[in-house]
Amino acid sequence: MTAHSVQPDAVQERLARQTRRFAEVAHWQTAPEQSPFLTMLVQTLGVHKAVEVGTFTGMSALAIARGLQPGGTLLCCDVDDTWTPLARQAWQDAGVEDRIELRIAPALETLRLLPNTADVDFSFVDAEKTGYWDYFNELVVRTRPGGLLVFDNVFRKGRVLHPSSEVDDAIIEFNKRLAGDDRVDVVMLPIADGMTIARRKP
């Protein structure tokens, strides 16, 4: 997959290398095959306004920001600024820092402060899994008809078939509820640890 897709550039390679230093949490980083996919989704959709929940060292935000239309913006929500200095440096190196606003606070608080207008084109959620349903409910009402909401790690490394924790159970319940929500059309894709795309119905 990666050999036959858009290749990472020097900024992405450096960010991946720097993130690997955080050995215990490095697996949180967006997978190599996901970055070009996110950029292409955002480009194809013609995104002007995007939201990300869970930023870590900034790889997914970099991919989304690169796909934005001229003048487009990305709001990044993260509760921890431990790793975001790497993100900010990568965004600066890539020349996209002017498109990104990073807010360090509980994501639900940040989302609930947004206007209750359906003007978000694209959202990407890759944060604590037990909060996915709450994030969806805040984002879907702010998503324009035809807009996309993308959720990462919906396979839980296969544990959605053999759950072993409350987090696994939460994702199983989220997957079920999302697929049955009549506000969206849903497609689950076998990319990396599973990604679900939900399209806001007209």
N, C-alpha and C. Protein backbone atom coordinates (compact mmCIF):
# COMPACT_ATOMS: atom_id res chain seq x y z
N MET A 1 0.82 -1.21 0.00
CA MET A 1 0.00 0.00 0.00
C MET A 1 0.86 1.26 0.00
N THR A 2 1.83 1.31 0.88
CA THR A 2 2.62 2.52 0.98
C THR A 2 3.55 2.70 -0.22
N ALA A 3 4.03 1.60 -0.78
CA ALA A 3 4.94 1.69 -1.93
C ALA A 3 4.23 2.20 -3.17
N HIS A 4 2.92 2.01 -3.24
CA HIS A 4 2.17 2.39 -4.43
C HIS A 4 1.22 3.55 -4.14
N SER A 5 1.56 4.38 -3.16
CA SER A 5 0.79 5.57 -2.81
C SER A 5 1.73 6.77 -2.79
N VAL A 6 1.15 7.96 -2.59
CA VAL A 6 1.96 9.16 -2.45
C VAL A 6 2.98 8.96 -1.32
N GLN A 7 4.22 9.28 -1.59
CA GLN A 7 5.29 9.05 -0.63
C GLN A 7 5.42 10.20 0.37
N PRO A 8 5.80 9.92 1.60
CA PRO A 8 6.01 10.98 2.59
C PRO A 8 7.16 11.89 2.17
N ASP A 9 7.03 13.17 2.48
CA ASP A 9 8.11 14.10 2.18
C ASP A 9 9.03 14.22 3.38
N ALA A 10 10.00 15.12 3.28
CA ALA A 10 11.02 15.23 4.33
C ALA A 10 10.41 15.64 5.67
N VAL A 11 9.40 16.51 5.65
CA VAL A 11 8.77 16.94 6.90
C VAL A 11 8.08 15.77 7.58
N GLN A 12 7.33 14.99 6.83
CA GLN A 12 6.63 13.84 7.40
C GLN A 12 7.61 12.79 7.90
N GLU A 13 8.68 12.53 7.14
CA GLU A 13 9.67 11.54 7.57
C GLU A 13 10.34 11.98 8.86
N ARG A 14 10.66 13.25 8.97
CA ARG A 14 11.30 13.75 10.19
C ARG A 14 10.34 13.66 11.37
N LEU A 15 9.08 14.02 11.15
CA LEU A 15 8.10 13.96 12.24
C LEU A 15 7.88 12.52 12.70
N ALA A 16 7.82 11.59 11.77
CA ALA A 16 7.66 10.18 12.13
C ALA A 16 8.86 9.70 12.95
N ARG A 17 10.05 10.11 12.53
CA ARG A 17 11.27 9.71 13.24
C ARG A 17 11.30 10.30 14.64
N GLN A 18 10.91 11.56 14.78
CA GLN A 18 10.90 12.20 16.09
C GLN A 18 9.85 11.56 17.00
N THR A 19 8.72 11.20 16.44
CA THR A 19 7.65 10.60 17.24
C THR A 19 8.04 9.23 17.76
N ARG A 20 8.82 8.50 17.00
CA ARG A 20 9.26 7.16 17.44
C ARG A 20 10.09 7.22 18.71
N ARG A 21 10.60 8.39 19.06
CA ARG A 21 11.35 8.50 20.33
C ARG A 21 10.44 8.28 21.52
N PHE A 22 9.15 8.55 21.38
CA PHE A 22 8.19 8.32 22.46
C PHE A 22 7.68 6.89 22.34
N ALA A 23 8.54 5.94 22.68
CA ALA A 23 8.30 4.54 22.35
C ALA A 23 6.96 4.01 22.85
N GLU A 24 6.57 4.40 24.06
CA GLU A 24 5.36 3.84 24.65
C GLU A 24 4.08 4.31 23.97
N VAL A 25 4.13 5.46 23.31
CA VAL A 25 2.91 6.01 22.69
C VAL A 25 3.07 6.29 21.20
N ALA A 26 4.20 5.91 20.63
CA ALA A 26 4.46 6.21 19.22
C ALA A 26 3.40 5.62 18.30
N HIS A 27 2.76 4.54 18.75
CA HIS A 27 1.73 3.91 17.92
C HIS A 27 0.49 4.78 17.77
N TRP A 28 0.42 5.86 18.53
CA TRP A 28 -0.71 6.78 18.37
C TRP A 28 -0.64 7.55 17.05
N GLN A 29 0.54 7.61 16.48
CA GLN A 29 0.70 8.42 15.27
C GLN A 29 -0.08 7.86 14.09
N THR A 30 -0.60 8.75 13.28
CA THR A 30 -1.31 8.37 12.06
C THR A 30 -0.43 7.49 11.20
N ALA A 31 -0.99 6.38 10.72
CA ALA A 31 -0.24 5.41 9.93
C ALA A 31 0.16 6.01 8.59
N PRO A 32 1.28 5.53 8.00
CA PRO A 32 1.76 6.10 6.73
C PRO A 32 0.74 6.08 5.61
N GLU A 33 -0.09 5.03 5.56
CA GLU A 33 -1.08 4.96 4.48
C GLU A 33 -2.27 5.89 4.71
N GLN A 34 -2.42 6.38 5.94
CA GLN A 34 -3.56 7.24 6.23
C GLN A 34 -3.34 8.69 5.81
N SER A 35 -2.10 9.16 5.90
CA SER A 35 -1.83 10.57 5.59
C SER A 35 -2.25 10.95 4.18
N PRO A 36 -1.78 10.26 3.13
CA PRO A 36 -2.22 10.65 1.79
C PRO A 36 -3.72 10.46 1.57
N PHE A 37 -4.30 9.48 2.27
CA PHE A 37 -5.74 9.26 2.16
C PHE A 37 -6.51 10.45 2.73
N LEU A 38 -6.09 10.94 3.89
CA LEU A 38 -6.75 12.10 4.49
C LEU A 38 -6.61 13.33 3.60
N THR A 39 -5.40 13.55 3.09
CA THR A 39 -5.19 14.71 2.21
C THR A 39 -6.09 14.64 0.99
N MET A 40 -6.18 13.46 0.38
CA MET A 40 -7.01 13.31 -0.81
C MET A 40 -8.49 13.49 -0.50
N LEU A 41 -8.96 12.96 0.64
CA LEU A 41 -10.35 13.16 1.04
C LEU A 41 -10.67 14.65 1.16
N VAL A 42 -9.80 15.37 1.83
CA VAL A 42 -10.02 16.79 2.08
C VAL A 42 -9.97 17.57 0.76
N GLN A 43 -9.03 17.22 -0.11
CA GLN A 43 -8.95 17.88 -1.42
C GLN A 43 -10.19 17.62 -2.25
N THR A 44 -10.62 16.36 -2.28
CA THR A 44 -11.76 15.97 -3.11
C THR A 44 -13.05 16.63 -2.63
N LEU A 45 -13.18 16.75 -1.33
CA LEU A 45 -14.38 17.34 -0.75
C LEU A 45 -14.38 18.87 -0.86
N GLY A 46 -13.23 19.46 -1.16
CA GLY A 46 -13.14 20.92 -1.24
C GLY A 46 -13.31 21.58 0.11
N VAL A 47 -12.61 21.07 1.10
CA VAL A 47 -12.82 21.49 2.50
C VAL A 47 -12.30 22.91 2.75
N HIS A 48 -13.14 23.71 3.36
CA HIS A 48 -12.74 25.04 3.84
C HIS A 48 -12.63 25.06 5.37
N LYS A 49 -13.48 24.28 6.05
CA LYS A 49 -13.49 24.30 7.51
C LYS A 49 -13.41 22.87 8.03
N ALA A 50 -12.36 22.58 8.80
CA ALA A 50 -12.13 21.23 9.31
C ALA A 50 -11.87 21.27 10.80
N VAL A 51 -12.17 20.15 11.45
CA VAL A 51 -11.94 20.00 12.90
C VAL A 51 -11.25 18.67 13.14
N GLU A 52 -10.28 18.68 14.02
CA GLU A 52 -9.61 17.44 14.43
C GLU A 52 -9.71 17.29 15.95
N VAL A 53 -10.04 16.09 16.40
CA VAL A 53 -10.06 15.78 17.83
C VAL A 53 -8.97 14.75 18.10
N GLY A 54 -7.93 15.16 18.80
CA GLY A 54 -6.78 14.31 19.06
C GLY A 54 -5.66 14.62 18.08
N THR A 55 -4.65 15.37 18.53
CA THR A 55 -3.61 15.86 17.61
C THR A 55 -2.27 15.17 17.78
N PHE A 56 -1.90 14.85 19.04
CA PHE A 56 -0.63 14.17 19.33
C PHE A 56 0.53 14.97 18.72
N THR A 57 1.36 14.38 17.87
CA THR A 57 2.50 15.09 17.29
C THR A 57 2.18 15.71 15.93
N GLY A 58 0.92 15.67 15.52
CA GLY A 58 0.50 16.51 14.41
C GLY A 58 0.50 15.94 13.01
N MET A 59 0.72 14.63 12.85
CA MET A 59 0.80 14.07 11.51
C MET A 59 -0.53 14.16 10.76
N SER A 60 -1.63 13.80 11.42
CA SER A 60 -2.92 13.86 10.74
C SER A 60 -3.32 15.30 10.45
N ALA A 61 -3.04 16.21 11.37
CA ALA A 61 -3.35 17.62 11.13
C ALA A 61 -2.57 18.14 9.93
N LEU A 62 -1.32 17.74 9.80
CA LEU A 62 -0.51 18.13 8.65
C LEU A 62 -1.15 17.64 7.36
N ALA A 63 -1.61 16.39 7.36
CA ALA A 63 -2.24 15.83 6.17
C ALA A 63 -3.53 16.57 5.82
N ILE A 64 -4.33 16.88 6.82
CA ILE A 64 -5.59 17.59 6.57
C ILE A 64 -5.32 19.01 6.09
N ALA A 65 -4.42 19.72 6.75
CA ALA A 65 -4.13 21.11 6.39
C ALA A 65 -3.63 21.23 4.96
N ARG A 66 -2.86 20.26 4.53
CA ARG A 66 -2.33 20.30 3.16
C ARG A 66 -3.41 20.15 2.10
N GLY A 67 -4.54 19.56 2.48
CA GLY A 67 -5.61 19.37 1.51
C GLY A 67 -6.65 20.47 1.49
N LEU A 68 -6.55 21.43 2.42
CA LEU A 68 -7.56 22.49 2.52
C LEU A 68 -7.57 23.40 1.29
N GLN A 69 -8.74 23.95 1.00
CA GLN A 69 -8.86 24.95 -0.04
C GLN A 69 -8.17 26.24 0.41
N PRO A 70 -7.79 27.11 -0.53
CA PRO A 70 -7.18 28.39 -0.14
C PRO A 70 -8.06 29.14 0.87
N GLY A 71 -7.44 29.57 1.95
CA GLY A 71 -8.17 30.24 3.01
C GLY A 71 -8.84 29.30 4.00
N GLY A 72 -8.69 27.99 3.79
CA GLY A 72 -9.30 27.02 4.68
C GLY A 72 -8.63 26.97 6.04
N THR A 73 -9.37 26.47 7.04
CA THR A 73 -8.85 26.43 8.40
C THR A 73 -9.09 25.06 9.04
N LEU A 74 -8.23 24.71 9.96
CA LEU A 74 -8.33 23.48 10.74
C LEU A 74 -8.23 23.81 12.21
N LEU A 75 -9.25 23.42 12.97
CA LEU A 75 -9.22 23.55 14.43
C LEU A 75 -8.81 22.22 15.02
N CYS A 76 -7.69 22.22 15.75
CA CYS A 76 -7.19 21.01 16.40
C CYS A 76 -7.49 21.06 17.89
N CYS A 77 -8.05 19.97 18.40
CA CYS A 77 -8.40 19.87 19.82
C CYS A 77 -7.54 18.80 20.48
N ASP A 78 -6.81 19.18 21.51
CA ASP A 78 -6.05 18.19 22.27
C ASP A 78 -6.04 18.62 23.73
N VAL A 79 -6.02 17.64 24.61
CA VAL A 79 -6.07 17.93 26.03
C VAL A 79 -4.68 18.03 26.65
N ASP A 80 -3.64 17.68 25.88
CA ASP A 80 -2.28 17.57 26.43
C ASP A 80 -1.30 18.26 25.48
N ASP A 81 -0.48 19.15 26.01
CA ASP A 81 0.51 19.83 25.17
C ASP A 81 1.91 19.22 25.28
N THR A 82 1.97 17.99 25.76
CA THR A 82 3.27 17.32 25.89
C THR A 82 3.94 17.14 24.54
N TRP A 83 3.15 16.72 23.54
CA TRP A 83 3.72 16.36 22.23
C TRP A 83 3.46 17.41 21.16
N THR A 84 2.59 18.37 21.42
CA THR A 84 2.22 19.31 20.38
C THR A 84 3.34 20.26 19.93
N PRO A 85 4.40 20.50 20.73
CA PRO A 85 5.50 21.30 20.16
C PRO A 85 6.09 20.68 18.89
N LEU A 86 6.15 19.35 18.83
CA LEU A 86 6.59 18.70 17.60
C LEU A 86 5.63 19.00 16.46
N ALA A 87 4.35 18.98 16.78
CA ALA A 87 3.33 19.27 15.77
C ALA A 87 3.51 20.68 15.22
N ARG A 88 3.64 21.64 16.12
CA ARG A 88 3.77 23.04 15.69
C ARG A 88 5.00 23.23 14.80
N GLN A 89 6.10 22.57 15.14
CA GLN A 89 7.31 22.71 14.34
C GLN A 89 7.11 22.11 12.95
N ALA A 90 6.47 20.95 12.90
CA ALA A 90 6.22 20.30 11.61
C ALA A 90 5.30 21.16 10.74
N TRP A 91 4.26 21.73 11.35
CA TRP A 91 3.35 22.58 10.58
C TRP A 91 4.09 23.80 10.04
N GLN A 92 4.98 24.36 10.86
CA GLN A 92 5.76 25.51 10.41
C GLN A 92 6.68 25.11 9.26
N ASP A 93 7.36 23.98 9.41
CA ASP A 93 8.27 23.51 8.37
C ASP A 93 7.54 23.25 7.05
N ALA A 94 6.29 22.80 7.15
CA ALA A 94 5.50 22.49 5.96
C ALA A 94 4.78 23.71 5.40
N GLY A 95 4.84 24.82 6.11
CA GLY A 95 4.20 26.04 5.64
C GLY A 95 2.70 26.06 5.77
N VAL A 96 2.16 25.31 6.74
CA VAL A 96 0.70 25.27 6.91
C VAL A 96 0.26 25.79 8.28
N GLU A 97 1.18 26.32 9.06
CA GLU A 97 0.83 26.71 10.43
C GLU A 97 -0.22 27.81 10.46
N ASP A 98 -0.30 28.63 9.41
CA ASP A 98 -1.28 29.70 9.40
C ASP A 98 -2.70 29.19 9.17
N ARG A 99 -2.85 27.92 8.81
CA ARG A 99 -4.17 27.33 8.58
C ARG A 99 -4.70 26.60 9.81
N ILE A 100 -3.88 26.45 10.84
CA ILE A 100 -4.21 25.58 11.97
C ILE A 100 -4.32 26.39 13.26
N GLU A 101 -5.40 26.15 13.99
CA GLU A 101 -5.55 26.67 15.35
C GLU A 101 -5.58 25.48 16.30
N LEU A 102 -4.67 25.48 17.26
CA LEU A 102 -4.60 24.40 18.25
C LEU A 102 -5.12 24.90 19.58
N ARG A 103 -6.12 24.20 20.12
CA ARG A 103 -6.67 24.54 21.44
C ARG A 103 -6.39 23.40 22.40
N ILE A 104 -5.70 23.71 23.48
CA ILE A 104 -5.38 22.72 24.52
C ILE A 104 -6.43 22.83 25.61
N ALA A 105 -7.35 21.88 25.61
CA ALA A 105 -8.46 21.83 26.58
C ALA A 105 -9.21 20.54 26.32
N PRO A 106 -10.04 20.09 27.25
CA PRO A 106 -10.89 18.94 26.95
C PRO A 106 -11.68 19.20 25.67
N ALA A 107 -11.62 18.24 24.74
CA ALA A 107 -12.19 18.46 23.41
C ALA A 107 -13.69 18.76 23.45
N LEU A 108 -14.40 18.09 24.34
CA LEU A 108 -15.84 18.34 24.41
C LEU A 108 -16.13 19.80 24.77
N GLU A 109 -15.32 20.36 25.65
CA GLU A 109 -15.50 21.77 26.00
C GLU A 109 -15.28 22.65 24.78
N THR A 110 -14.22 22.35 24.03
CA THR A 110 -13.93 23.13 22.83
C THR A 110 -15.04 23.01 21.81
N LEU A 111 -15.52 21.79 21.57
CA LEU A 111 -16.56 21.59 20.57
C LEU A 111 -17.86 22.27 20.97
N ARG A 112 -18.18 22.23 22.25
CA ARG A 112 -19.44 22.83 22.70
C ARG A 112 -19.41 24.35 22.66
N LEU A 113 -18.23 24.93 22.56
CA LEU A 113 -18.11 26.38 22.42
C LEU A 113 -18.27 26.83 20.98
N LEU A 114 -18.24 25.89 20.03
CA LEU A 114 -18.40 26.25 18.62
C LEU A 114 -19.85 26.64 18.35
N PRO A 115 -20.07 27.51 17.38
CA PRO A 115 -21.45 27.89 17.03
C PRO A 115 -22.27 26.68 16.61
N ASN A 116 -23.53 26.69 16.90
CA ASN A 116 -24.43 25.60 16.51
C ASN A 116 -24.91 25.80 15.08
N THR A 117 -23.96 25.96 14.19
CA THR A 117 -24.27 26.12 12.77
C THR A 117 -23.61 24.98 11.99
N ALA A 118 -24.31 24.48 10.99
CA ALA A 118 -23.82 23.33 10.23
C ALA A 118 -22.90 23.80 9.12
N ASP A 119 -21.65 24.15 9.48
CA ASP A 119 -20.73 24.70 8.50
C ASP A 119 -19.37 24.00 8.47
N VAL A 120 -19.22 22.90 9.22
CA VAL A 120 -17.97 22.14 9.19
C VAL A 120 -18.03 21.17 8.01
N ASP A 121 -16.98 21.18 7.20
CA ASP A 121 -16.92 20.30 6.03
C ASP A 121 -16.37 18.92 6.35
N PHE A 122 -15.43 18.87 7.32
CA PHE A 122 -14.68 17.64 7.53
C PHE A 122 -14.19 17.58 8.97
N SER A 123 -14.34 16.40 9.59
CA SER A 123 -13.81 16.18 10.94
C SER A 123 -13.04 14.87 10.98
N PHE A 124 -11.99 14.85 11.78
CA PHE A 124 -11.22 13.63 12.00
C PHE A 124 -11.07 13.42 13.50
N VAL A 125 -11.48 12.25 13.98
CA VAL A 125 -11.45 11.96 15.41
C VAL A 125 -10.51 10.79 15.68
N ASP A 126 -9.50 11.04 16.49
CA ASP A 126 -8.54 10.02 16.89
C ASP A 126 -8.06 10.37 18.30
N ALA A 127 -8.96 10.22 19.26
CA ALA A 127 -8.69 10.58 20.65
C ALA A 127 -9.12 9.44 21.54
N GLU A 128 -9.39 9.73 22.81
CA GLU A 128 -9.79 8.65 23.71
C GLU A 128 -11.08 8.01 23.20
N LYS A 129 -11.05 6.69 23.09
CA LYS A 129 -12.11 5.97 22.38
C LYS A 129 -13.45 6.00 23.12
N THR A 130 -13.42 6.11 24.43
CA THR A 130 -14.66 6.12 25.18
C THR A 130 -15.46 7.41 24.93
N GLY A 131 -14.84 8.40 24.33
CA GLY A 131 -15.52 9.65 24.05
C GLY A 131 -16.05 9.78 22.64
N TYR A 132 -15.86 8.76 21.82
CA TYR A 132 -16.21 8.88 20.40
C TYR A 132 -17.68 9.26 20.18
N TRP A 133 -18.59 8.63 20.92
CA TRP A 133 -19.99 8.92 20.68
C TRP A 133 -20.33 10.36 21.05
N ASP A 134 -19.75 10.87 22.12
CA ASP A 134 -19.97 12.26 22.50
C ASP A 134 -19.39 13.21 21.45
N TYR A 135 -18.20 12.90 20.95
CA TYR A 135 -17.61 13.74 19.91
C TYR A 135 -18.50 13.75 18.67
N PHE A 136 -18.98 12.57 18.30
CA PHE A 136 -19.84 12.49 17.12
C PHE A 136 -21.08 13.37 17.29
N ASN A 137 -21.71 13.29 18.45
CA ASN A 137 -22.93 14.05 18.67
C ASN A 137 -22.70 15.56 18.63
N GLU A 138 -21.54 16.00 19.09
CA GLU A 138 -21.24 17.43 19.01
C GLU A 138 -20.89 17.85 17.59
N LEU A 139 -20.21 16.96 16.86
CA LEU A 139 -19.75 17.32 15.52
C LEU A 139 -20.82 17.19 14.46
N VAL A 140 -21.67 16.18 14.57
CA VAL A 140 -22.61 15.92 13.48
C VAL A 140 -23.58 17.08 13.29
N VAL A 141 -23.99 17.72 14.35
CA VAL A 141 -24.92 18.84 14.23
C VAL A 141 -24.23 20.08 13.68
N ARG A 142 -22.91 20.09 13.69
CA ARG A 142 -22.15 21.22 13.17
C ARG A 142 -21.57 20.92 11.79
N THR A 143 -21.91 19.77 11.23
CA THR A 143 -21.41 19.35 9.93
C THR A 143 -22.44 19.66 8.85
N ARG A 144 -21.97 20.25 7.77
CA ARG A 144 -22.89 20.60 6.68
C ARG A 144 -23.39 19.33 5.99
N PRO A 145 -24.55 19.38 5.36
CA PRO A 145 -25.00 18.24 4.55
C PRO A 145 -23.95 17.89 3.49
N GLY A 146 -23.61 16.63 3.42
CA GLY A 146 -22.56 16.18 2.51
C GLY A 146 -21.17 16.20 3.12
N GLY A 147 -21.04 16.79 4.30
CA GLY A 147 -19.74 16.81 4.98
C GLY A 147 -19.40 15.44 5.56
N LEU A 148 -18.11 15.24 5.84
CA LEU A 148 -17.63 13.95 6.32
C LEU A 148 -17.09 14.03 7.74
N LEU A 149 -17.36 12.94 8.50
CA LEU A 149 -16.76 12.74 9.82
C LEU A 149 -16.01 11.42 9.75
N VAL A 150 -14.73 11.43 10.10
CA VAL A 150 -13.88 10.25 9.99
C VAL A 150 -13.38 9.86 11.38
N PHE A 151 -13.50 8.57 11.68
CA PHE A 151 -13.11 8.05 13.00
C PHE A 151 -12.04 6.97 12.83
N ASP A 152 -10.98 7.09 13.61
CA ASP A 152 -9.86 6.16 13.50
C ASP A 152 -9.95 5.06 14.56
N ASN A 153 -9.22 3.97 14.34
CA ASN A 153 -9.07 2.87 15.30
C ASN A 153 -10.38 2.16 15.61
N VAL A 154 -11.23 2.01 14.62
CA VAL A 154 -12.51 1.35 14.86
C VAL A 154 -12.39 -0.18 14.85
N PHE A 155 -11.21 -0.71 14.59
CA PHE A 155 -10.97 -2.16 14.70
C PHE A 155 -10.40 -2.55 16.06
N ARG A 156 -9.72 -1.60 16.73
CA ARG A 156 -9.05 -1.89 18.00
C ARG A 156 -8.13 -3.10 17.86
N LYS A 157 -7.38 -3.12 16.74
CA LYS A 157 -6.44 -4.22 16.47
C LYS A 157 -7.13 -5.59 16.53
N GLY A 158 -8.35 -5.63 16.06
CA GLY A 158 -9.12 -6.87 16.02
C GLY A 158 -9.91 -7.16 17.27
N ARG A 159 -9.74 -6.35 18.30
CA ARG A 159 -10.41 -6.64 19.56
C ARG A 159 -11.90 -6.31 19.54
N VAL A 160 -12.38 -5.68 18.46
CA VAL A 160 -13.83 -5.52 18.36
C VAL A 160 -14.50 -6.88 18.18
N LEU A 161 -13.75 -7.89 17.75
CA LEU A 161 -14.27 -9.25 17.65
C LEU A 161 -14.04 -10.04 18.94
N HIS A 162 -13.00 -9.67 19.68
CA HIS A 162 -12.66 -10.37 20.92
C HIS A 162 -12.30 -9.33 21.98
N PRO A 163 -13.28 -8.59 22.48
CA PRO A 163 -13.00 -7.49 23.41
C PRO A 163 -12.37 -7.97 24.71
N SER A 164 -11.46 -7.13 25.21
CA SER A 164 -10.79 -7.47 26.47
C SER A 164 -10.71 -6.28 27.42
N SER A 165 -11.41 -5.19 27.09
CA SER A 165 -11.37 -4.01 27.96
C SER A 165 -12.63 -3.18 27.76
N GLU A 166 -12.82 -2.23 28.67
CA GLU A 166 -13.94 -1.32 28.54
C GLU A 166 -13.81 -0.45 27.29
N VAL A 167 -12.57 -0.15 26.92
CA VAL A 167 -12.36 0.65 25.71
C VAL A 167 -12.80 -0.12 24.48
N ASP A 168 -12.46 -1.41 24.42
CA ASP A 168 -12.93 -2.24 23.31
C ASP A 168 -14.45 -2.25 23.26
N ASP A 169 -15.07 -2.42 24.41
CA ASP A 169 -16.53 -2.44 24.47
C ASP A 169 -17.12 -1.11 23.99
N ALA A 170 -16.45 -0.01 24.33
CA ALA A 170 -16.94 1.31 23.93
C ALA A 170 -16.91 1.47 22.41
N ILE A 171 -15.85 0.98 21.78
CA ILE A 171 -15.76 1.08 20.32
C ILE A 171 -16.78 0.16 19.65
N ILE A 172 -16.99 -1.02 20.20
CA ILE A 172 -18.02 -1.92 19.66
C ILE A 172 -19.38 -1.22 19.69
N GLU A 173 -19.70 -0.59 20.81
CA GLU A 173 -20.98 0.11 20.94
C GLU A 173 -21.03 1.31 20.00
N PHE A 174 -19.93 2.04 19.91
CA PHE A 174 -19.88 3.18 19.00
C PHE A 174 -20.11 2.76 17.56
N ASN A 175 -19.41 1.72 17.12
CA ASN A 175 -19.57 1.24 15.74
C ASN A 175 -21.03 0.88 15.45
N LYS A 176 -21.65 0.22 16.40
CA LYS A 176 -23.05 -0.20 16.22
C LYS A 176 -23.98 1.01 16.15
N ARG A 177 -23.80 1.94 17.07
CA ARG A 177 -24.69 3.11 17.11
C ARG A 177 -24.49 4.01 15.90
N LEU A 178 -23.24 4.19 15.48
CA LEU A 178 -22.97 5.04 14.34
C LEU A 178 -23.59 4.46 13.07
N ALA A 179 -23.44 3.16 12.87
CA ALA A 179 -23.99 2.52 11.68
C ALA A 179 -25.51 2.63 11.63
N GLY A 180 -26.15 2.76 12.79
CA GLY A 180 -27.60 2.84 12.84
C GLY A 180 -28.14 4.25 12.95
N ASP A 181 -27.27 5.27 12.93
CA ASP A 181 -27.73 6.64 13.10
C ASP A 181 -28.28 7.16 11.78
N ASP A 182 -29.50 7.64 11.78
CA ASP A 182 -30.14 8.03 10.53
C ASP A 182 -29.74 9.42 10.04
N ARG A 183 -28.81 10.06 10.74
CA ARG A 183 -28.31 11.36 10.26
C ARG A 183 -27.16 11.22 9.28
N VAL A 184 -26.59 10.01 9.19
CA VAL A 184 -25.39 9.82 8.38
C VAL A 184 -25.46 8.51 7.59
N ASP A 185 -24.72 8.49 6.49
CA ASP A 185 -24.39 7.25 5.78
C ASP A 185 -22.98 6.85 6.19
N VAL A 186 -22.77 5.56 6.42
CA VAL A 186 -21.52 5.11 7.04
C VAL A 186 -20.84 4.03 6.20
N VAL A 187 -19.51 4.19 6.05
CA VAL A 187 -18.69 3.17 5.41
C VAL A 187 -17.47 2.93 6.30
N MET A 188 -17.21 1.67 6.65
CA MET A 188 -16.03 1.30 7.43
C MET A 188 -14.99 0.72 6.48
N LEU A 189 -13.76 1.21 6.58
CA LEU A 189 -12.69 0.82 5.67
C LEU A 189 -11.55 0.13 6.40
N PRO A 190 -10.95 -0.91 5.80
CA PRO A 190 -9.83 -1.61 6.42
C PRO A 190 -8.50 -0.93 6.15
N ILE A 191 -8.36 0.29 6.59
CA ILE A 191 -7.12 1.04 6.46
C ILE A 191 -6.49 1.16 7.84
N ALA A 192 -5.22 0.74 7.94
CA ALA A 192 -4.52 0.76 9.23
C ALA A 192 -5.36 0.00 10.27
N ASP A 193 -5.73 0.66 11.37
CA ASP A 193 -6.50 0.01 12.43
C ASP A 193 -8.01 0.23 12.25
N GLY A 194 -8.41 0.45 10.99
CA GLY A 194 -9.82 0.65 10.68
C GLY A 194 -10.22 2.11 10.76
N MET A 195 -10.86 2.61 9.71
CA MET A 195 -11.37 3.97 9.69
C MET A 195 -12.81 3.95 9.23
N THR A 196 -13.66 4.68 9.90
CA THR A 196 -15.05 4.80 9.50
C THR A 196 -15.30 6.21 8.98
N ILE A 197 -15.95 6.28 7.82
CA ILE A 197 -16.34 7.56 7.23
C ILE A 197 -17.85 7.68 7.33
N ALA A 198 -18.30 8.75 7.95
CA ALA A 198 -19.73 9.04 8.05
C ALA A 198 -20.02 10.32 7.26
N ARG A 199 -20.99 10.23 6.35
CA ARG A 199 -21.38 11.39 5.53
C ARG A 199 -22.71 11.93 6.03
N ARG A 200 -22.73 13.20 6.37
CA ARG A 200 -23.96 13.84 6.85
C ARG A 200 -24.99 13.88 5.74
N LYS A 201 -26.14 13.32 6.00
CA LYS A 201 -27.20 13.29 5.00
C LYS A 201 -27.78 14.70 4.79
N PRO A 202 -28.30 14.96 3.59
CA PRO A 202 -28.94 16.26 3.34
C PRO A 202 -30.15 16.45 4.26
